[in-house]
Amino acid sequence: MNGARPPESGERDEAASSPVVLCIVAAPGAATDLMRRLEPELTDLIAARLRGVQWVVRCVSDRLVEWPADLSQLVAAARRRMLEEHGHLVVSITDLPLQTARRPVVAHASMTHGVAVLSLPALGAVDVVHRARATTVRLVAALVGGDSQSASVDRRLRELGDRVDEHGAAFGFVTGVVTGNLRLLLGMLRANRPWRLAIRLSRALVAAVTAGVFALVTGDIWRLSHDAGPLRLGVLTAGSVVAVTLTIVLGAGLWERSPARSGAREQVVLFNVVTVATVVIGVLALYLALLVLTLVGAFLLVPEATLADALGFRPGVGTVAELAWTATSIATVGGALGAGLETDEAVREAAYGYQPDEHLPR
């Protein structure tokens, strides 16, 4: 016996897990000077709030984007730099003002990207270092979902540090990423609030409703819905959902590619899985909402006698439901056309849950 104290369980777990790498990327000038003043104490402060893993903080001076640039461009640039630095999370200290809904905010955090952005101008002129330090720690906590007192956050931190064998087959690798990071994936999905996607894309919503109204009042579509049958209508439903999903993901450049020699393949796969899942859930929520609206519209707005004259028989509830089903799929395709008119910035802000921070710690 050498009398050494055996490590506690938390210490054993922390030593056994891979470190979580946090990148601090600051714009040259005043933001970089502030970062250098934060650097000595930042690792200990973050480790004190988010326990259970080893933290490594890397500081980089990089402007990332040139003015004028929107928030989504800044977030994308910060994420690219994080992957190049082999990081798991990144906080960008920018000298650009930030806004959300035309209101100035101190910072934004996107759990899906693993990116937080802190605006230097919003810190003011008094006690800047203290405010920046406290805000940075709070932003890192927001990126992982809270404090280490939560068991789900503790697991999420460990999943960030754990690695998946990147030399395996493509299918096995993707499966390993999804199953090994399932809780992390679900947390990222919840943070994105995908069911609100359609509401945020106003042009897509207007196009979908317009197409749905057109379908409900068109006689040829009435006959088509009756003759198509459930199988064809199911294929039409799947096709409309896929069309909107591809329009949003590919049209707005949401699909991410792993930077050359970054070693960040797992992070990129996880990001793309969350992105596609977010959009699919959002589109399905849109589809269900449109289905309810078209069902109500079909029963209230389409005269039974007119529908009977067009079809040649008296329609039942099933016939009206088939009409609503067809109209919903057509409306969803119209939503795809509307999504194509949205700006890339609007689509990114709709797809990803940027959490605004409007207040500074005192």
Protein backbone atom coordinates (compact mmCIF):
# COMPACT_ATOMS: atom_id res chain seq x y z
CA MET A 1 0.00 0.00 0.00
CA ASN A 2 1.42 3.35 -1.00
CA GLY A 3 -1.23 5.36 0.83
CA ALA A 4 -2.40 7.14 -2.32
CA ARG A 5 -6.04 8.14 -2.34
CA PRO A 6 -8.02 6.18 -4.97
CA PRO A 7 -9.58 8.47 -7.56
CA GLU A 8 -13.25 9.20 -7.19
CA SER A 9 -15.63 7.98 -9.87
CA GLY A 10 -15.95 11.40 -11.49
CA GLU A 11 -12.16 11.71 -11.67
CA ARG A 12 -11.82 8.24 -13.20
CA ASP A 13 -14.50 9.03 -15.80
CA GLU A 14 -12.91 12.37 -16.64
CA ALA A 15 -9.49 10.82 -17.06
CA ALA A 16 -10.88 8.01 -19.21
CA SER A 17 -12.83 10.22 -21.61
CA SER A 18 -11.32 12.19 -24.46
CA PRO A 19 -11.07 15.96 -23.94
CA VAL A 20 -13.68 18.34 -25.31
CA VAL A 21 -11.93 20.96 -27.43
CA LEU A 22 -13.37 24.49 -27.33
CA CYS A 23 -12.12 26.97 -29.93
CA ILE A 24 -12.26 30.69 -29.22
CA VAL A 25 -12.03 32.56 -32.53
CA ALA A 26 -11.72 36.35 -32.25
CA ALA A 27 -11.58 39.03 -34.89
CA PRO A 28 -8.18 40.79 -35.11
CA GLY A 29 -7.83 43.93 -33.00
CA ALA A 30 -9.89 44.62 -29.91
CA ALA A 31 -11.66 41.24 -30.01
CA THR A 32 -8.33 39.39 -30.07
CA ASP A 33 -7.01 41.52 -27.21
CA LEU A 34 -10.10 40.61 -25.19
CA MET A 35 -9.65 36.92 -26.01
CA ARG A 36 -6.08 36.99 -24.73
CA ARG A 37 -7.26 38.49 -21.45
CA LEU A 38 -9.93 35.78 -21.11
CA GLU A 39 -7.61 32.90 -21.97
CA PRO A 40 -5.80 32.31 -18.62
CA GLU A 41 -8.93 31.63 -16.54
CA LEU A 42 -11.40 30.37 -19.13
CA THR A 43 -10.56 26.67 -19.00
CA ASP A 44 -10.95 26.49 -15.22
CA LEU A 45 -14.20 28.46 -15.24
CA ILE A 46 -15.76 26.22 -17.89
CA ALA A 47 -14.52 23.06 -16.14
CA ALA A 48 -16.03 24.29 -12.87
CA ARG A 49 -19.44 24.76 -14.46
CA LEU A 50 -19.40 21.76 -16.83
CA ARG A 51 -17.76 18.89 -14.98
CA GLY A 52 -17.13 15.29 -15.97
CA VAL A 53 -14.81 15.86 -18.95
CA GLN A 54 -11.43 17.40 -19.58
CA TRP A 55 -11.59 20.77 -21.36
CA VAL A 56 -9.03 22.12 -23.82
CA VAL A 57 -9.36 25.74 -24.97
CA ARG A 58 -7.69 26.85 -28.20
CA CYS A 59 -7.54 30.56 -29.05
CA VAL A 60 -7.35 31.71 -32.67
CA SER A 61 -7.33 35.18 -34.22
CA ASP A 62 -9.40 35.20 -37.43
CA ARG A 63 -11.95 37.67 -38.81
CA LEU A 64 -13.87 34.80 -40.48
CA VAL A 65 -16.11 37.10 -42.55
CA GLU A 66 -15.98 40.60 -43.96
CA TRP A 67 -18.66 43.23 -43.50
CA PRO A 68 -21.42 43.14 -44.62
CA ALA A 69 -22.16 39.61 -43.44
CA ASP A 70 -25.24 38.07 -41.86
CA LEU A 71 -25.36 35.83 -38.82
CA SER A 72 -25.70 32.59 -40.79
CA GLN A 73 -22.53 33.36 -42.74
CA LEU A 74 -20.66 34.08 -39.52
CA VAL A 75 -21.90 30.86 -37.92
CA ALA A 76 -20.92 28.82 -41.00
CA ALA A 77 -17.45 30.38 -41.10
CA ALA A 78 -16.91 29.76 -37.39
CA ARG A 79 -17.93 26.12 -37.78
CA ARG A 80 -15.52 25.63 -40.69
CA ARG A 81 -12.69 27.07 -38.62
CA MET A 82 -13.66 24.82 -35.69
CA LEU A 83 -13.45 21.72 -37.89
CA GLU A 84 -10.07 22.82 -39.21
CA GLU A 85 -8.86 23.16 -35.61
CA HIS A 86 -10.22 19.69 -34.71
CA GLY A 87 -12.57 21.29 -32.19
CA HIS A 88 -15.94 20.20 -30.82
CA LEU A 89 -17.39 23.62 -29.95
CA VAL A 90 -16.51 27.19 -30.91
CA VAL A 91 -17.24 30.66 -29.57
CA SER A 92 -16.62 33.47 -32.06
CA ILE A 93 -15.95 36.93 -30.65
CA THR A 94 -16.85 39.34 -33.42
CA ASP A 95 -16.59 43.09 -33.75
CA LEU A 96 -19.84 43.11 -35.75
CA PRO A 97 -23.19 44.04 -34.16
CA LEU A 98 -25.74 41.21 -33.94
CA GLN A 99 -29.47 41.43 -34.43
CA THR A 100 -32.45 39.11 -34.29
CA ALA A 101 -35.84 40.27 -35.53
CA ARG A 102 -34.21 43.71 -35.92
CA ARG A 103 -33.39 43.85 -32.22
CA PRO A 104 -29.79 44.03 -31.02
CA VAL A 105 -28.60 41.05 -29.00
CA VAL A 106 -25.45 40.19 -27.13
CA ALA A 107 -24.91 36.72 -28.57
CA HIS A 108 -26.33 33.78 -30.47
CA ALA A 109 -25.84 30.06 -29.88
CA SER A 110 -26.60 27.19 -32.25
CA MET A 111 -26.44 23.78 -30.60
CA THR A 112 -26.62 22.02 -33.98
CA HIS A 113 -23.55 23.79 -35.29
CA GLY A 114 -21.76 23.78 -31.94
CA VAL A 115 -21.23 27.49 -32.56
CA ALA A 116 -21.83 30.55 -30.38
CA VAL A 117 -21.22 34.14 -31.47
CA LEU A 118 -20.50 36.96 -29.02
CA SER A 119 -20.78 40.57 -30.16
CA LEU A 120 -17.99 42.79 -28.81
CA PRO A 121 -19.93 46.08 -29.34
CA ALA A 122 -22.78 44.77 -27.15
CA LEU A 123 -20.43 44.40 -24.18
CA GLY A 124 -20.26 48.17 -23.75
CA ALA A 125 -17.31 50.08 -22.32
CA VAL A 126 -17.45 49.17 -18.61
CA ASP A 127 -16.25 45.91 -17.02
CA VAL A 128 -15.86 44.34 -20.46
CA VAL A 129 -13.60 41.45 -19.43
CA HIS A 130 -15.88 40.29 -16.60
CA ARG A 131 -18.96 40.45 -18.80
CA ALA A 132 -17.26 38.67 -21.69
CA ARG A 133 -15.94 35.94 -19.40
CA ALA A 134 -19.32 35.24 -17.79
CA THR A 135 -21.14 35.38 -21.12
CA THR A 136 -18.65 33.02 -22.78
CA VAL A 137 -19.07 30.42 -20.04
CA ARG A 138 -22.85 30.72 -20.30
CA LEU A 139 -22.69 30.32 -24.10
CA VAL A 140 -20.62 27.14 -23.80
CA ALA A 141 -23.20 25.78 -21.36
CA ALA A 142 -25.95 26.66 -23.84
CA LEU A 143 -24.17 24.72 -26.59
CA VAL A 144 -24.30 21.52 -24.54
CA GLY A 145 -27.75 22.13 -23.11
CA GLY A 146 -27.22 23.43 -19.58
CA ASP A 147 -25.13 22.71 -16.48
CA SER A 148 -23.30 19.55 -15.48
CA GLN A 149 -25.86 18.92 -12.73
CA SER A 150 -28.07 17.49 -15.49
CA ALA A 151 -27.41 13.82 -16.32
CA SER A 152 -28.35 14.42 -19.97
CA VAL A 153 -25.77 17.20 -20.24
CA ASP A 154 -23.14 14.98 -18.62
CA ARG A 155 -23.78 12.28 -21.24
CA ARG A 156 -23.74 14.87 -24.01
CA LEU A 157 -20.33 16.11 -22.93
CA ARG A 158 -18.95 12.59 -22.95
CA GLU A 159 -20.43 11.95 -26.41
CA LEU A 160 -18.69 15.07 -27.70
CA GLY A 161 -15.37 13.69 -26.51
CA ASP A 162 -15.90 10.10 -27.60
CA ARG A 163 -14.79 9.12 -31.09
CA VAL A 164 -16.14 6.63 -33.61
CA ASP A 165 -13.78 4.53 -35.73
CA GLU A 166 -13.50 6.60 -38.89
CA HIS A 167 -11.79 3.80 -40.85
CA GLY A 168 -14.83 1.55 -40.97
CA ALA A 169 -17.20 1.06 -43.89
CA ALA A 170 -19.37 4.03 -44.78
CA PHE A 171 -22.64 2.45 -43.70
CA GLY A 172 -21.17 1.10 -40.47
CA PHE A 173 -19.56 4.44 -39.75
CA VAL A 174 -22.81 6.38 -40.18
CA THR A 175 -24.67 3.82 -38.07
CA GLY A 176 -22.04 4.14 -35.35
CA VAL A 177 -22.29 7.92 -35.39
CA VAL A 178 -26.08 7.86 -35.06
CA THR A 179 -26.35 5.15 -32.41
CA GLY A 180 -23.32 6.32 -30.44
CA ASN A 181 -24.57 9.91 -30.35
CA LEU A 182 -28.31 9.28 -30.17
CA ARG A 183 -28.94 11.45 -27.10
CA LEU A 184 -26.80 14.22 -28.55
CA LEU A 185 -28.73 14.00 -31.82
CA LEU A 186 -32.08 14.18 -30.05
CA GLY A 187 -30.94 17.17 -28.01
CA MET A 188 -29.82 18.98 -31.15
CA LEU A 189 -33.13 18.21 -32.83
CA ARG A 190 -35.08 19.52 -29.85
CA ALA A 191 -33.01 22.71 -29.84
CA ASN A 192 -33.84 23.28 -33.53
CA ARG A 193 -37.61 23.02 -32.91
CA PRO A 194 -38.22 21.53 -36.38
CA TRP A 195 -42.01 21.69 -36.06
CA ARG A 196 -41.72 25.48 -36.39
CA LEU A 197 -39.82 25.32 -39.68
CA ALA A 198 -42.76 26.06 -41.99
CA ILE A 199 -43.94 29.02 -39.90
CA ARG A 200 -40.50 30.63 -40.25
CA LEU A 201 -40.51 30.20 -44.05
CA SER A 202 -43.27 32.62 -44.99
CA ARG A 203 -42.90 32.30 -48.77
CA ALA A 204 -43.04 28.51 -48.64
CA LEU A 205 -46.14 28.66 -46.42
CA VAL A 206 -47.95 31.13 -48.70
CA ALA A 207 -47.10 29.06 -51.79
CA ALA A 208 -48.33 25.88 -50.10
CA VAL A 209 -51.66 27.39 -49.03
CA THR A 210 -52.18 28.91 -52.49
CA ALA A 211 -51.51 25.59 -54.22
CA GLY A 212 -53.84 23.82 -51.79
CA VAL A 213 -56.71 26.23 -52.48
CA PHE A 214 -56.17 25.82 -56.23
CA ALA A 215 -56.29 22.03 -55.90
CA LEU A 216 -59.53 22.12 -53.94
CA VAL A 217 -61.41 24.08 -56.59
CA THR A 218 -60.13 22.26 -59.69
CA GLY A 219 -62.40 19.62 -61.16
CA ASP A 220 -59.63 17.64 -62.84
CA ILE A 221 -57.93 17.17 -59.47
CA TRP A 222 -61.21 15.93 -58.01
CA ARG A 223 -61.32 13.15 -60.63
CA LEU A 224 -57.60 12.48 -60.27
CA SER A 225 -57.89 12.02 -56.52
CA HIS A 226 -60.66 9.45 -56.96
CA ASP A 227 -58.92 7.49 -59.71
CA ALA A 228 -55.42 7.50 -58.18
CA GLY A 229 -56.06 5.14 -55.28
CA PRO A 230 -54.25 4.94 -51.94
CA LEU A 231 -50.99 3.54 -53.37
CA ARG A 232 -50.48 6.34 -55.87
CA LEU A 233 -51.54 8.94 -53.32
CA GLY A 234 -48.97 7.52 -50.90
CA VAL A 235 -46.26 7.81 -53.56
CA LEU A 236 -47.40 11.38 -54.27
CA THR A 237 -47.14 12.17 -50.54
CA ALA A 238 -43.61 10.76 -50.29
CA GLY A 239 -42.57 12.59 -53.45
CA SER A 240 -43.88 15.92 -52.20
CA VAL A 241 -42.08 15.58 -48.85
CA VAL A 242 -38.83 14.60 -50.59
CA ALA A 243 -39.17 17.53 -53.02
CA VAL A 244 -39.48 20.08 -50.23
CA THR A 245 -36.68 18.49 -48.20
CA LEU A 246 -34.25 18.50 -51.14
CA THR A 247 -35.19 22.06 -52.06
CA ILE A 248 -34.44 23.29 -48.55
CA VAL A 249 -31.31 21.21 -47.85
CA LEU A 250 -29.62 21.53 -51.23
CA GLY A 251 -31.03 24.86 -52.34
CA ALA A 252 -29.83 26.69 -49.22
CA GLY A 253 -26.54 24.79 -49.01
CA LEU A 254 -27.34 23.13 -45.67
CA TRP A 255 -25.46 19.93 -46.56
CA GLU A 256 -21.99 20.09 -45.05
CA ARG A 257 -18.81 18.56 -46.46
CA SER A 258 -15.85 17.62 -44.31
CA PRO A 259 -12.90 19.98 -44.82
CA ALA A 260 -9.80 18.39 -46.32
CA ARG A 261 -7.47 16.84 -43.71
CA SER A 262 -9.73 17.97 -40.87
CA GLY A 263 -10.36 14.57 -39.28
CA ALA A 264 -13.88 15.80 -38.46
CA ARG A 265 -15.83 13.24 -40.44
CA GLU A 266 -17.93 12.14 -37.48
CA GLN A 267 -19.00 15.69 -36.64
CA VAL A 268 -19.96 16.36 -40.25
CA VAL A 269 -22.03 13.17 -40.48
CA LEU A 270 -23.82 14.00 -37.23
CA PHE A 271 -24.47 17.57 -38.41
CA ASN A 272 -25.94 16.35 -41.72
CA VAL A 273 -28.11 13.74 -39.98
CA VAL A 274 -29.52 16.42 -37.67
CA THR A 275 -30.05 18.81 -40.59
CA VAL A 276 -31.96 16.28 -42.69
CA ALA A 277 -33.98 15.08 -39.69
CA THR A 278 -34.85 18.67 -38.77
CA VAL A 279 -36.07 19.47 -42.27
CA VAL A 280 -37.99 16.19 -42.67
CA ILE A 281 -39.79 16.65 -39.34
CA GLY A 282 -40.55 20.26 -40.24
CA VAL A 283 -41.94 19.26 -43.65
CA LEU A 284 -44.03 16.47 -42.11
CA ALA A 285 -45.43 18.97 -39.60
CA LEU A 286 -46.30 21.25 -42.52
CA TYR A 287 -47.92 18.35 -44.35
CA LEU A 288 -50.09 17.40 -41.36
CA ALA A 289 -51.16 21.01 -40.82
CA LEU A 290 -52.08 21.36 -44.49
CA LEU A 291 -53.96 18.05 -44.37
CA VAL A 292 -56.13 19.31 -41.52
CA LEU A 293 -56.79 22.59 -43.34
CA THR A 294 -57.64 20.91 -46.65
CA LEU A 295 -59.94 18.41 -44.92
CA VAL A 296 -61.86 21.28 -43.36
CA GLY A 297 -61.82 23.17 -46.65
CA ALA A 298 -63.00 20.14 -48.65
CA PHE A 299 -65.98 19.54 -46.36
CA LEU A 300 -66.95 23.20 -46.04
CA LEU A 301 -66.03 24.76 -49.38
CA VAL A 302 -66.61 22.07 -52.01
CA PRO A 303 -70.36 21.70 -52.72
CA GLU A 304 -71.44 18.09 -52.61
CA ALA A 305 -73.66 18.47 -55.68
CA THR A 306 -70.86 19.99 -57.74
CA LEU A 307 -68.47 17.25 -56.70
CA ALA A 308 -71.11 14.62 -57.57
CA ASP A 309 -71.58 16.12 -61.04
CA ALA A 310 -67.82 16.05 -61.67
CA LEU A 311 -67.37 12.46 -60.48
CA GLY A 312 -70.64 10.99 -61.75
CA PHE A 313 -71.72 9.60 -58.38
CA ARG A 314 -72.58 10.83 -54.92
CA PRO A 315 -69.32 11.24 -52.96
CA GLY A 316 -68.85 9.79 -49.51
CA VAL A 317 -66.55 10.75 -46.67
CA GLY A 318 -63.76 8.62 -48.16
CA THR A 319 -63.97 10.43 -51.48
CA VAL A 320 -63.70 13.84 -49.83
CA ALA A 321 -60.77 12.59 -47.73
CA GLU A 322 -58.98 11.41 -50.90
CA LEU A 323 -59.53 14.87 -52.39
CA ALA A 324 -58.03 16.50 -49.30
CA TRP A 325 -55.11 14.05 -49.40
CA THR A 326 -54.35 14.89 -53.03
CA ALA A 327 -54.71 18.62 -52.44
CA THR A 328 -52.32 18.41 -49.48
CA SER A 329 -49.63 16.72 -51.57
CA ILE A 330 -50.03 19.33 -54.31
CA ALA A 331 -49.89 22.08 -51.70
CA THR A 332 -46.68 20.60 -50.30
CA VAL A 333 -45.11 20.64 -53.78
CA GLY A 334 -46.17 24.29 -53.96
CA GLY A 335 -44.34 24.75 -50.67
CA ALA A 336 -41.19 23.40 -52.34
CA LEU A 337 -41.48 26.09 -55.01
CA GLY A 338 -41.96 28.72 -52.32
CA ALA A 339 -38.96 27.41 -50.38
CA GLY A 340 -36.87 27.89 -53.50
CA LEU A 341 -37.69 31.62 -53.34
CA GLU A 342 -36.50 31.99 -49.75
CA THR A 343 -33.08 33.52 -49.13
CA ASP A 344 -30.35 31.20 -47.87
CA GLU A 345 -30.16 33.23 -44.66
CA ALA A 346 -33.90 32.83 -44.02
CA VAL A 347 -33.73 29.07 -44.59
CA ARG A 348 -30.74 28.63 -42.28
CA GLU A 349 -32.31 30.66 -39.51
CA ALA A 350 -35.54 28.66 -39.93
CA ALA A 351 -33.77 25.29 -39.92
CA TYR A 352 -31.43 25.93 -37.01
CA GLY A 353 -32.42 27.15 -33.58
CA TYR A 354 -30.26 30.22 -32.99
CA GLN A 355 -30.81 31.03 -29.34
CA PRO A 356 -30.61 34.81 -28.87
CA ASP A 357 -29.06 36.22 -25.71
CA GLU A 358 -30.32 39.75 -25.10
CA HIS A 359 -28.87 40.29 -21.64
CA LEU A 360 -25.44 40.61 -20.09
CA PRO A 361 -24.46 39.29 -16.66
CA ARG A 362 -23.99 42.06 -14.15
